[in-house]
Amino acid sequence: MFPKRQRLSRRRDIDKVRKTGWRYMHPTMTLRVVPTKFGYTRSTVVVGTVVDKRATVRNRVKRQVRHMLIEEFKALDKNTASFDIMVTLRPAIIKQTRPERLNVLRSLLMKANIVKK
């Protein structure tokens, strides 16, 4: 789980990212990014019922992607700019393996210039 200050949890913050964020898309997930001045990166993972009707399936995928984000944030340089990030998962995510999900997430983060190669 993210440390409390790295969670993007307030509705108005999530709406701001959804409405004004830069969007990077892949058939399995969408990444939206807004630069901030907090000095640290906050994020959230959104999974709708369109992915799967069963909450257990949605929660499992959400936890996996959240864990991947945590690992990517640990690798970030402390001097890196801060962002608000929202990852929205799509139905095709269910058919992917965990390494494939990680590769997609890394490629989207690289496109957004959040992580380096």
Protein backbone atom coordinates (compact mmCIF):
# COMPACT_ATOMS: atom_id res chain seq x y z
CA MET A 1 0.00 0.00 0.00
CA PHE A 2 1.16 3.51 -0.71
CA PRO A 3 2.31 5.69 2.16
CA LYS A 4 -0.53 8.04 3.03
CA ARG A 5 1.01 11.14 1.46
CA GLN A 6 1.50 9.31 -1.86
CA ARG A 7 -2.17 8.37 -2.21
CA LEU A 8 -4.35 10.36 -4.56
CA SER A 9 -7.61 9.88 -2.68
CA ARG A 10 -9.62 13.10 -2.62
CA ARG A 11 -12.36 13.23 -5.22
CA ARG A 12 -11.50 16.74 -6.42
CA ASP A 13 -7.85 15.77 -6.94
CA ILE A 14 -8.85 12.70 -8.95
CA ASP A 15 -11.31 14.77 -11.02
CA LYS A 16 -8.57 17.32 -11.73
CA VAL A 17 -6.27 14.58 -13.03
CA ARG A 18 -9.08 13.03 -15.08
CA LYS A 19 -10.10 16.33 -16.68
CA THR A 20 -6.78 18.13 -17.16
CA GLY A 21 -4.14 15.39 -17.14
CA TRP A 22 -1.99 14.36 -20.07
CA ARG A 23 -3.23 11.01 -21.31
CA TYR A 24 -1.12 8.06 -22.40
CA MET A 25 -3.09 5.09 -23.66
CA HIS A 26 -2.60 1.39 -24.20
CA PRO A 27 -5.30 -1.23 -24.91
CA THR A 28 -4.99 -2.52 -21.33
CA MET A 29 -4.58 0.70 -19.33
CA THR A 30 -4.64 4.49 -19.50
CA LEU A 31 -2.21 6.72 -17.63
CA ARG A 32 -3.16 10.31 -16.82
CA VAL A 33 -0.54 12.67 -15.42
CA VAL A 34 -0.60 16.19 -13.94
CA PRO A 35 2.60 17.87 -12.70
CA THR A 36 2.43 19.16 -9.12
CA LYS A 37 4.57 21.15 -6.69
CA PHE A 38 4.25 18.83 -3.69
CA GLY A 39 7.76 17.42 -3.98
CA TYR A 40 6.45 13.84 -4.14
CA THR A 41 4.34 11.82 -6.55
CA ARG A 42 0.78 10.78 -5.68
CA SER A 43 -1.17 8.11 -7.52
CA THR A 44 -4.34 6.08 -7.69
CA VAL A 45 -5.49 3.00 -9.63
CA VAL A 46 -9.05 2.91 -10.96
CA VAL A 47 -10.80 -0.32 -11.99
CA GLY A 48 -14.42 -0.23 -13.12
CA THR A 49 -16.96 -3.04 -13.30
CA VAL A 50 -16.40 -3.08 -17.05
CA VAL A 51 -13.14 -4.95 -16.32
CA ASP A 52 -14.95 -7.74 -14.45
CA LYS A 53 -18.18 -7.98 -12.50
CA ARG A 54 -16.47 -9.75 -9.60
CA ALA A 55 -14.92 -7.45 -7.02
CA THR A 56 -12.31 -10.06 -6.08
CA VAL A 57 -10.91 -10.05 -9.63
CA ARG A 58 -10.91 -6.25 -9.84
CA ASN A 59 -9.23 -5.90 -6.45
CA ARG A 60 -6.54 -8.47 -7.29
CA VAL A 61 -5.58 -6.67 -10.50
CA LYS A 62 -5.70 -3.32 -8.74
CA ARG A 63 -3.37 -4.54 -5.97
CA GLN A 64 -0.92 -5.94 -8.52
CA VAL A 65 -0.76 -2.69 -10.49
CA ARG A 66 -0.49 -0.65 -7.30
CA HIS A 67 2.43 -2.81 -6.16
CA MET A 68 4.11 -2.29 -9.55
CA LEU A 69 3.71 1.47 -9.16
CA ILE A 70 5.25 1.36 -5.69
CA GLU A 71 8.28 -0.50 -7.05
CA GLU A 72 8.66 2.02 -9.89
CA PHE A 73 8.43 4.95 -7.45
CA LYS A 74 11.17 3.45 -5.28
CA ALA A 75 13.47 3.60 -8.31
CA LEU A 76 12.73 7.29 -8.92
CA ASP A 77 15.42 9.82 -8.24
CA LYS A 78 14.57 12.12 -5.33
CA ASN A 79 15.19 15.14 -7.60
CA THR A 80 12.55 14.00 -10.10
CA ALA A 81 9.59 16.31 -10.62
CA SER A 82 6.40 15.41 -8.77
CA PHE A 83 3.17 14.28 -10.43
CA ASP A 84 -0.39 13.23 -9.71
CA ILE A 85 -0.95 9.96 -11.57
CA MET A 86 -4.15 8.06 -12.29
CA VAL A 87 -3.99 4.59 -13.85
CA THR A 88 -7.29 3.38 -15.29
CA LEU A 89 -7.44 -0.32 -16.11
CA ARG A 90 -9.35 -1.66 -19.11
CA PRO A 91 -10.96 -5.09 -19.71
CA ALA A 92 -8.01 -6.45 -21.73
CA ILE A 93 -5.86 -6.31 -18.57
CA ILE A 94 -7.43 -9.56 -17.35
CA LYS A 95 -5.86 -11.55 -20.21
CA GLN A 96 -2.35 -10.25 -19.53
CA THR A 97 0.23 -11.89 -17.34
CA ARG A 98 1.90 -9.97 -14.54
CA PRO A 99 5.18 -9.39 -16.47
CA GLU A 100 3.19 -8.09 -19.44
CA ARG A 101 1.33 -5.67 -17.17
CA LEU A 102 4.62 -4.47 -15.73
CA ASN A 103 6.05 -3.86 -19.21
CA VAL A 104 2.97 -1.87 -20.25
CA LEU A 105 3.06 0.22 -17.08
CA ARG A 106 6.78 0.94 -17.50
CA SER A 107 6.32 1.93 -21.15
CA LEU A 108 3.52 4.34 -20.24
CA LEU A 109 5.59 5.85 -17.43
CA MET A 110 8.50 6.27 -19.84
CA LYS A 111 6.25 7.97 -22.41
CA ALA A 112 5.16 10.38 -19.68
CA ASN A 113 8.85 11.01 -18.77
CA ILE A 114 8.25 9.93 -15.19
CA VAL A 115 10.79 7.09 -15.20
CA LYS A 116 13.89 6.72 -17.30
CA LYS A 117 15.07 3.57 -19.06
